[in-house]
Amino acid sequence: MDSTLTLRVDGIHHELTVDTRTSQLDALRRELGVYAAPNRRTDADAAHTPAPDDLSAERDLVAASVFPTFRMPTSTATVRYDGGRYIARIGAADLGTGAWTVLPQITADALDVPVGDVDVLIGDTDHPEASVAGGSSGTNTWGSTLVAAAQQFRQKFGPDPQDGDEAEAVVPPAEAADRFAMSAFGAQFAEVRVHAGTGEVRVPRLHATFAAGRIINPRLARSQFLGGMTMGLGMALLEESVLDPRFGHVVNHDLAEYHIMCAADVADLQAHWVDEDDPHVNAMGAKGIGEIGIVGTAAAVANAVWHATGVRVRDLPIRLDRLLPRGRGS
């Protein structure tokens, strides 16, 4: 297998640019005969020179991914002791990413009490203001704020608080970010099959391994990684907004015409991670995992398609017409 590198430019929002750059780097590397891991290339890989009409091969390729660790500058949290329970409040939002579960875990760990003794209230504008859920920054920002509030609470009231005791804290600045590069890392492996007659691309296997700091909740983390990889696969093969040039409206604005991936689109989808200890990133040692699964997936698929067919698709998604002879270069 060959390897290549993909980054999300400017932090977020530029996956299309990233995939194009990745493809260009991969093409340049092949023209120069430079391989990142020559000892891992098989004889078949070395001998295979894709031809324009070779639309029947099955190939694997891997793309590396990097996503920066963001901490938003504003968030506030309170911790209160009432009726034998610790009640934290923060205006965070759970979009289905698991904040309802991991924030009590983080708060309980900071207070050194069982998680069953802690309630974290989120999702209400009556709670102290918090940052948005975006940029894979939620756990970093909200968790750091809750840890700061829990530490403030213990400093004021000790291990035996009374009912009504309460402390407040704001998110601490990410001072170490000026001295250290803070990112999550990953490697996505895609196996693709291209139909010789139609150009249809199928991905029977998509695997990835990540290094994303301390994994607070393994079950939720695996779902986040798999969800991100599925989104990256949709970006590679299906998802495309079609604009009406007269009015600028998106014409495929429903799920009947804007297609997304489903469970049947990948037979073997796996996400793994390596244990990583980063003492500088935040008090939890955790990095954002919401989008690192997206990064690299589209690049791995696009490069594998080229390796199988000799067609370098420059614009996503990899539509059927872009692989067939009459559609090349579009």
Protein backbone atom coordinates (compact mmCIF):
# COMPACT_ATOMS: atom_id res chain seq x y z
CA MET A 1 0.00 0.00 0.00
CA ASP A 2 1.03 3.57 -0.59
CA SER A 3 0.43 6.43 1.79
CA THR A 4 -0.42 10.06 1.33
CA LEU A 5 -1.25 13.03 3.52
CA THR A 6 -4.41 15.06 3.79
CA LEU A 7 -5.11 18.07 6.00
CA ARG A 8 -8.21 20.14 6.59
CA VAL A 9 -7.08 23.58 5.45
CA ASP A 10 -7.81 26.52 7.78
CA GLY A 11 -9.01 24.13 10.45
CA ILE A 12 -12.42 23.26 9.05
CA HIS A 13 -14.74 23.72 6.07
CA HIS A 14 -12.34 22.83 3.24
CA GLU A 15 -12.53 19.08 2.67
CA LEU A 16 -12.93 19.49 -1.11
CA THR A 17 -9.77 21.58 -1.33
CA VAL A 18 -8.02 19.05 0.84
CA ASP A 19 -8.94 16.10 -1.34
CA THR A 20 -7.77 17.95 -4.46
CA ARG A 21 -4.45 18.75 -2.84
CA THR A 22 -4.08 15.20 -1.66
CA SER A 23 -4.69 13.86 -5.15
CA GLN A 24 -2.18 16.32 -6.57
CA LEU A 25 0.43 15.32 -4.01
CA ASP A 26 -0.21 11.66 -4.71
CA ALA A 27 0.07 12.21 -8.47
CA LEU A 28 3.29 14.21 -8.05
CA ARG A 29 4.75 11.58 -5.76
CA ARG A 30 4.09 8.87 -8.31
CA GLU A 31 5.55 10.93 -11.16
CA LEU A 32 8.71 11.38 -9.11
CA GLY A 33 8.78 7.75 -8.03
CA VAL A 34 8.79 8.76 -4.37
CA TYR A 35 7.01 6.37 -2.02
CA ALA A 36 6.50 7.06 1.67
CA ALA A 37 6.87 3.41 2.68
CA PRO A 38 8.66 1.49 -0.09
CA ASN A 39 9.15 -1.57 2.10
CA ARG A 40 5.37 -1.99 2.25
CA ARG A 41 4.81 -2.00 -1.52
CA THR A 42 4.11 -5.41 -2.93
CA ASP A 43 5.52 -6.53 -6.28
CA ALA A 44 2.03 -6.31 -7.72
CA ASP A 45 1.65 -2.72 -6.53
CA ALA A 46 5.02 -1.74 -7.95
CA ALA A 47 4.27 -3.32 -11.32
CA HIS A 48 0.72 -1.98 -11.64
CA THR A 49 0.55 1.06 -13.89
CA PRO A 50 -3.13 2.02 -14.21
CA ALA A 51 -4.34 2.44 -17.77
CA PRO A 52 -7.25 4.66 -18.80
CA ASP A 53 -9.41 1.67 -19.77
CA ASP A 54 -8.53 -0.48 -16.75
CA LEU A 55 -11.91 -0.30 -15.00
CA SER A 56 -11.98 -3.75 -13.49
CA ALA A 57 -9.22 -3.75 -10.88
CA GLU A 58 -9.73 -3.86 -7.13
CA ARG A 59 -7.30 -1.74 -5.12
CA ASP A 60 -6.54 -0.54 -1.61
CA LEU A 61 -5.04 2.77 -0.57
CA VAL A 62 -4.43 4.61 2.67
CA ALA A 63 -4.61 8.33 3.46
CA ALA A 64 -3.34 10.00 6.60
CA SER A 65 -5.47 12.59 8.36
CA VAL A 66 -4.90 15.45 10.78
CA PHE A 67 -7.47 17.57 12.60
CA PRO A 68 -6.51 20.41 14.96
CA THR A 69 -7.66 20.51 18.57
CA PHE A 70 -9.82 23.58 19.13
CA ARG A 71 -10.82 25.23 22.40
CA MET A 72 -13.34 28.02 22.08
CA PRO A 73 -12.57 31.22 24.06
CA THR A 74 -15.89 31.54 25.90
CA SER A 75 -17.85 29.16 28.12
CA THR A 76 -19.06 29.30 31.71
CA ALA A 77 -20.15 26.55 34.08
CA THR A 78 -21.40 26.27 37.66
CA VAL A 79 -21.20 23.39 40.12
CA ARG A 80 -23.67 23.26 43.01
CA TYR A 81 -24.16 20.78 45.85
CA ASP A 82 -27.78 20.09 46.68
CA GLY A 83 -29.53 17.17 48.31
CA GLY A 84 -26.45 14.99 48.32
CA ARG A 85 -25.82 15.49 44.60
CA TYR A 86 -23.48 17.62 42.55
CA ILE A 87 -25.36 19.58 39.89
CA ALA A 88 -23.39 21.25 37.11
CA ARG A 89 -24.93 23.63 34.63
CA ILE A 90 -23.53 24.73 31.28
CA GLY A 91 -25.30 25.90 28.13
CA ALA A 92 -23.80 23.20 25.93
CA ALA A 93 -25.72 21.34 23.23
CA ASP A 94 -25.72 17.65 22.40
CA LEU A 95 -26.24 17.10 18.67
CA GLY A 96 -26.14 13.36 19.13
CA THR A 97 -22.42 13.31 19.84
CA GLY A 98 -22.65 12.06 23.42
CA ALA A 99 -22.21 15.24 25.48
CA TRP A 100 -24.98 14.15 27.84
CA THR A 101 -22.84 11.12 28.73
CA VAL A 102 -19.23 12.30 28.69
CA LEU A 103 -19.71 15.63 30.51
CA PRO A 104 -20.94 13.92 33.71
CA GLN A 105 -17.97 11.55 33.43
CA ILE A 106 -15.56 14.47 33.17
CA THR A 107 -17.19 16.37 36.03
CA ALA A 108 -17.28 13.34 38.32
CA ASP A 109 -13.62 12.65 37.62
CA ALA A 110 -12.71 16.26 38.45
CA LEU A 111 -14.73 16.14 41.70
CA ASP A 112 -13.41 12.65 42.55
CA VAL A 113 -16.90 11.25 43.12
CA PRO A 114 -18.90 8.46 41.43
CA VAL A 115 -20.52 9.51 38.18
CA GLY A 116 -23.87 8.45 39.64
CA ASP A 117 -23.64 11.37 42.10
CA VAL A 118 -23.38 13.98 39.35
CA ASP A 119 -25.97 15.66 37.13
CA VAL A 120 -24.81 17.88 34.27
CA LEU A 121 -27.60 20.03 32.88
CA ILE A 122 -27.18 21.26 29.30
CA GLY A 123 -29.33 22.32 26.38
CA ASP A 124 -31.12 25.27 28.00
CA THR A 125 -30.55 29.00 27.54
CA ASP A 126 -31.15 29.46 31.28
CA HIS A 127 -27.82 27.77 31.90
CA PRO A 128 -24.52 29.69 31.82
CA GLU A 129 -23.44 30.58 28.29
CA ALA A 130 -21.34 28.07 26.40
CA SER A 131 -19.72 27.80 23.00
CA VAL A 132 -21.33 26.21 19.97
CA ALA A 133 -21.09 22.54 19.12
CA GLY A 134 -18.73 22.64 16.16
CA GLY A 135 -15.18 22.15 15.00
CA SER A 136 -14.83 19.05 17.20
CA SER A 137 -14.42 21.51 20.08
CA GLY A 138 -17.27 20.57 22.40
CA THR A 139 -15.60 18.12 24.76
CA ASN A 140 -12.42 20.19 24.88
CA THR A 141 -14.19 23.48 25.62
CA TRP A 142 -17.09 22.36 27.80
CA GLY A 143 -15.06 19.69 29.57
CA SER A 144 -12.27 22.14 30.39
CA THR A 145 -14.87 24.58 31.72
CA LEU A 146 -16.52 21.95 33.93
CA VAL A 147 -13.15 20.80 35.25
CA ALA A 148 -12.30 24.41 36.14
CA ALA A 149 -15.67 24.81 37.91
CA ALA A 150 -15.18 21.55 39.80
CA GLN A 151 -11.69 22.57 40.91
CA GLN A 152 -13.00 25.96 42.01
CA PHE A 153 -15.75 24.23 43.96
CA ARG A 154 -13.31 21.96 45.82
CA GLN A 155 -10.99 24.87 46.59
CA LYS A 156 -13.86 26.84 48.15
CA PHE A 157 -15.76 24.10 49.97
CA GLY A 158 -13.44 21.11 50.31
CA PRO A 159 -14.51 17.46 50.22
CA ASP A 160 -17.58 17.91 52.50
CA PRO A 161 -19.76 20.67 51.03
CA GLN A 162 -23.10 21.82 52.39
CA ASP A 163 -26.37 22.16 50.54
CA GLY A 164 -26.39 25.34 48.52
CA ASP A 165 -22.64 25.59 48.07
CA GLU A 166 -21.88 26.71 44.52
CA ALA A 167 -18.89 27.75 42.43
CA GLU A 168 -18.52 29.16 38.92
CA ALA A 169 -15.66 29.18 36.44
CA VAL A 170 -14.96 30.13 32.84
CA VAL A 171 -13.05 28.12 30.29
CA PRO A 172 -9.30 28.43 30.91
CA PRO A 173 -7.14 29.64 28.02
CA ALA A 174 -5.28 27.03 25.99
CA GLU A 175 -1.90 28.48 26.89
CA ALA A 176 0.07 25.42 25.79
CA ALA A 177 -1.26 25.85 22.24
CA ASP A 178 1.37 28.56 21.73
CA ARG A 179 4.15 26.06 22.43
CA PHE A 180 2.82 22.75 21.14
CA ALA A 181 1.08 21.54 18.00
CA MET A 182 -2.19 19.96 19.09
CA SER A 183 -3.99 17.70 16.67
CA ALA A 184 -5.70 14.36 16.37
CA PHE A 185 -4.25 11.98 13.80
CA GLY A 186 -5.57 9.10 11.76
CA ALA A 187 -4.99 6.70 8.89
CA GLN A 188 -7.89 5.59 6.71
CA PHE A 189 -7.67 2.46 4.56
CA ALA A 190 -10.12 2.04 1.68
CA GLU A 191 -10.67 -0.96 -0.58
CA VAL A 192 -12.56 -0.07 -3.75
CA ARG A 193 -14.09 -2.02 -6.63
CA VAL A 194 -14.98 -0.30 -9.90
CA HIS A 195 -17.46 -1.88 -12.31
CA ALA A 196 -15.91 -2.23 -15.76
CA GLY A 197 -19.11 -1.48 -17.63
CA THR A 198 -20.77 1.25 -15.60
CA GLY A 199 -17.98 2.87 -13.60
CA GLU A 200 -19.87 2.22 -10.36
CA VAL A 201 -17.59 2.44 -7.34
CA ARG A 202 -18.15 0.22 -4.32
CA VAL A 203 -16.19 0.29 -1.06
CA PRO A 204 -16.48 -3.15 0.56
CA ARG A 205 -13.98 -2.32 3.27
CA LEU A 206 -13.10 0.88 5.10
CA HIS A 207 -10.81 0.72 8.13
CA ALA A 208 -9.20 3.47 10.17
CA THR A 209 -6.93 3.88 13.17
CA PHE A 210 -6.72 7.10 15.16
CA ALA A 211 -4.63 8.79 17.83
CA ALA A 212 -6.93 11.26 19.55
CA GLY A 213 -5.68 11.64 23.08
CA ARG A 214 -7.57 10.11 25.99
CA ILE A 215 -10.73 8.31 24.86
CA ILE A 216 -13.23 9.20 27.58
CA ASN A 217 -16.02 6.86 26.50
CA PRO A 218 -14.92 4.08 24.11
CA ARG A 219 -18.43 3.11 22.98
CA LEU A 220 -19.38 6.65 22.05
CA ALA A 221 -15.97 7.31 20.51
CA ARG A 222 -16.26 4.33 18.19
CA SER A 223 -19.65 5.56 17.01
CA GLN A 224 -18.21 9.03 16.39
CA PHE A 225 -15.32 7.64 14.36
CA LEU A 226 -17.56 5.36 12.31
CA GLY A 227 -20.05 8.14 11.70
CA GLY A 228 -17.31 10.46 10.50
CA MET A 229 -15.91 7.81 8.17
CA THR A 230 -19.39 7.26 6.74
CA MET A 231 -19.72 11.00 6.13
CA GLY A 232 -16.34 11.01 4.38
CA LEU A 233 -17.47 8.13 2.20
CA GLY A 234 -20.59 10.07 1.24
CA MET A 235 -18.41 13.04 0.39
CA ALA A 236 -16.31 10.82 -1.87
CA LEU A 237 -19.06 9.04 -3.75
CA LEU A 238 -22.49 10.63 -3.42
CA GLU A 239 -22.95 14.01 -1.80
CA GLU A 240 -23.21 16.99 -4.10
CA SER A 241 -25.24 20.19 -3.91
CA VAL A 242 -26.55 21.22 -7.31
CA LEU A 243 -27.17 24.96 -7.69
CA ASP A 244 -29.62 26.64 -10.02
CA PRO A 245 -27.34 29.18 -11.77
CA ARG A 246 -30.23 31.59 -12.29
CA PHE A 247 -31.26 31.96 -8.64
CA GLY A 248 -28.52 30.29 -6.60
CA HIS A 249 -30.97 27.84 -5.05
CA VAL A 250 -29.97 24.29 -4.15
CA VAL A 251 -32.25 22.21 -6.33
CA ASN A 252 -31.57 18.81 -4.74
CA HIS A 253 -32.67 19.96 -1.30
CA ASP A 254 -34.22 16.74 0.00
CA LEU A 255 -33.07 13.19 0.67
CA ALA A 256 -34.82 11.96 -2.48
CA GLU A 257 -32.20 13.73 -4.61
CA TYR A 258 -29.35 14.51 -2.19
CA HIS A 259 -27.99 11.03 -1.59
CA ILE A 260 -26.17 9.90 1.54
CA MET A 261 -24.54 6.64 2.55
CA CYS A 262 -26.37 3.91 4.46
CA ALA A 263 -25.37 0.80 6.37
CA ALA A 264 -25.39 -1.38 3.25
CA ASP A 265 -22.78 0.77 1.51
CA VAL A 266 -19.85 -0.63 3.48
CA ALA A 267 -19.68 -4.31 4.29
CA ASP A 268 -16.70 -4.00 6.63
CA LEU A 269 -16.44 -0.69 8.51
CA GLN A 270 -13.99 -0.58 11.41
CA ALA A 271 -12.51 2.11 13.64
CA HIS A 272 -9.67 1.59 16.08
CA TRP A 273 -7.39 3.85 18.09
CA VAL A 274 -4.08 3.83 19.88
CA ASP A 275 -3.72 5.03 23.45
CA GLU A 276 -2.21 8.50 23.49
CA ASP A 277 -1.15 10.56 26.49
CA ASP A 278 -1.04 14.29 25.76
CA PRO A 279 -0.60 16.26 29.01
CA HIS A 280 -0.73 19.62 27.23
CA VAL A 281 -3.96 19.51 25.28
CA ASN A 282 -6.36 20.03 28.23
CA ALA A 283 -7.08 18.80 31.74
CA MET A 284 -8.75 15.64 30.39
CA GLY A 285 -6.06 14.81 27.85
CA ALA A 286 -8.83 14.45 25.25
CA LYS A 287 -8.93 15.64 21.64
CA GLY A 288 -11.87 16.22 19.33
CA ILE A 289 -13.06 13.10 17.52
CA GLY A 290 -16.16 14.34 15.71
CA GLU A 291 -14.51 15.13 12.39
CA ILE A 292 -11.18 13.31 12.28
CA GLY A 293 -13.10 10.33 10.86
CA ILE A 294 -14.18 12.43 7.86
CA VAL A 295 -10.69 13.67 7.14
CA GLY A 296 -8.76 11.30 4.91
CA THR A 297 -11.64 9.01 3.97
CA ALA A 298 -12.49 10.77 0.70
CA ALA A 299 -8.79 11.03 -0.18
CA ALA A 300 -8.23 7.32 0.46
CA VAL A 301 -11.19 6.40 -1.76
CA ALA A 302 -10.19 8.80 -4.55
CA ASN A 303 -6.59 7.60 -4.57
CA ALA A 304 -7.68 3.95 -4.55
CA VAL A 305 -9.98 4.64 -7.50
CA TRP A 306 -7.06 6.13 -9.41
CA HIS A 307 -4.87 3.19 -8.45
CA ALA A 308 -7.51 0.82 -9.83
CA THR A 309 -8.46 2.67 -13.00
CA GLY A 310 -5.88 5.28 -13.91
CA VAL A 311 -8.56 7.99 -13.77
CA ARG A 312 -7.70 10.86 -11.44
CA VAL A 313 -10.98 12.49 -10.38
CA ARG A 314 -10.33 16.10 -9.39
CA ASP A 315 -13.84 17.03 -8.28
CA LEU A 316 -15.94 15.17 -5.76
CA PRO A 317 -18.10 13.20 -5.72
CA ILE A 318 -16.63 10.44 -7.89
CA ARG A 319 -19.63 10.11 -10.19
CA LEU A 320 -19.99 7.31 -12.71
CA ASP A 321 -19.64 9.66 -15.67
CA ARG A 322 -16.32 10.95 -14.36
CA LEU A 323 -14.81 7.47 -14.58
CA LEU A 324 -16.12 6.46 -17.98
CA PRO A 325 -14.12 7.61 -21.05
CA ARG A 326 -16.60 10.27 -22.17
CA GLY A 327 -16.64 11.89 -18.74
CA ARG A 328 -12.93 12.16 -18.00
CA GLY A 329 -11.60 15.58 -17.32
CA SER A 330 -15.00 16.93 -16.25
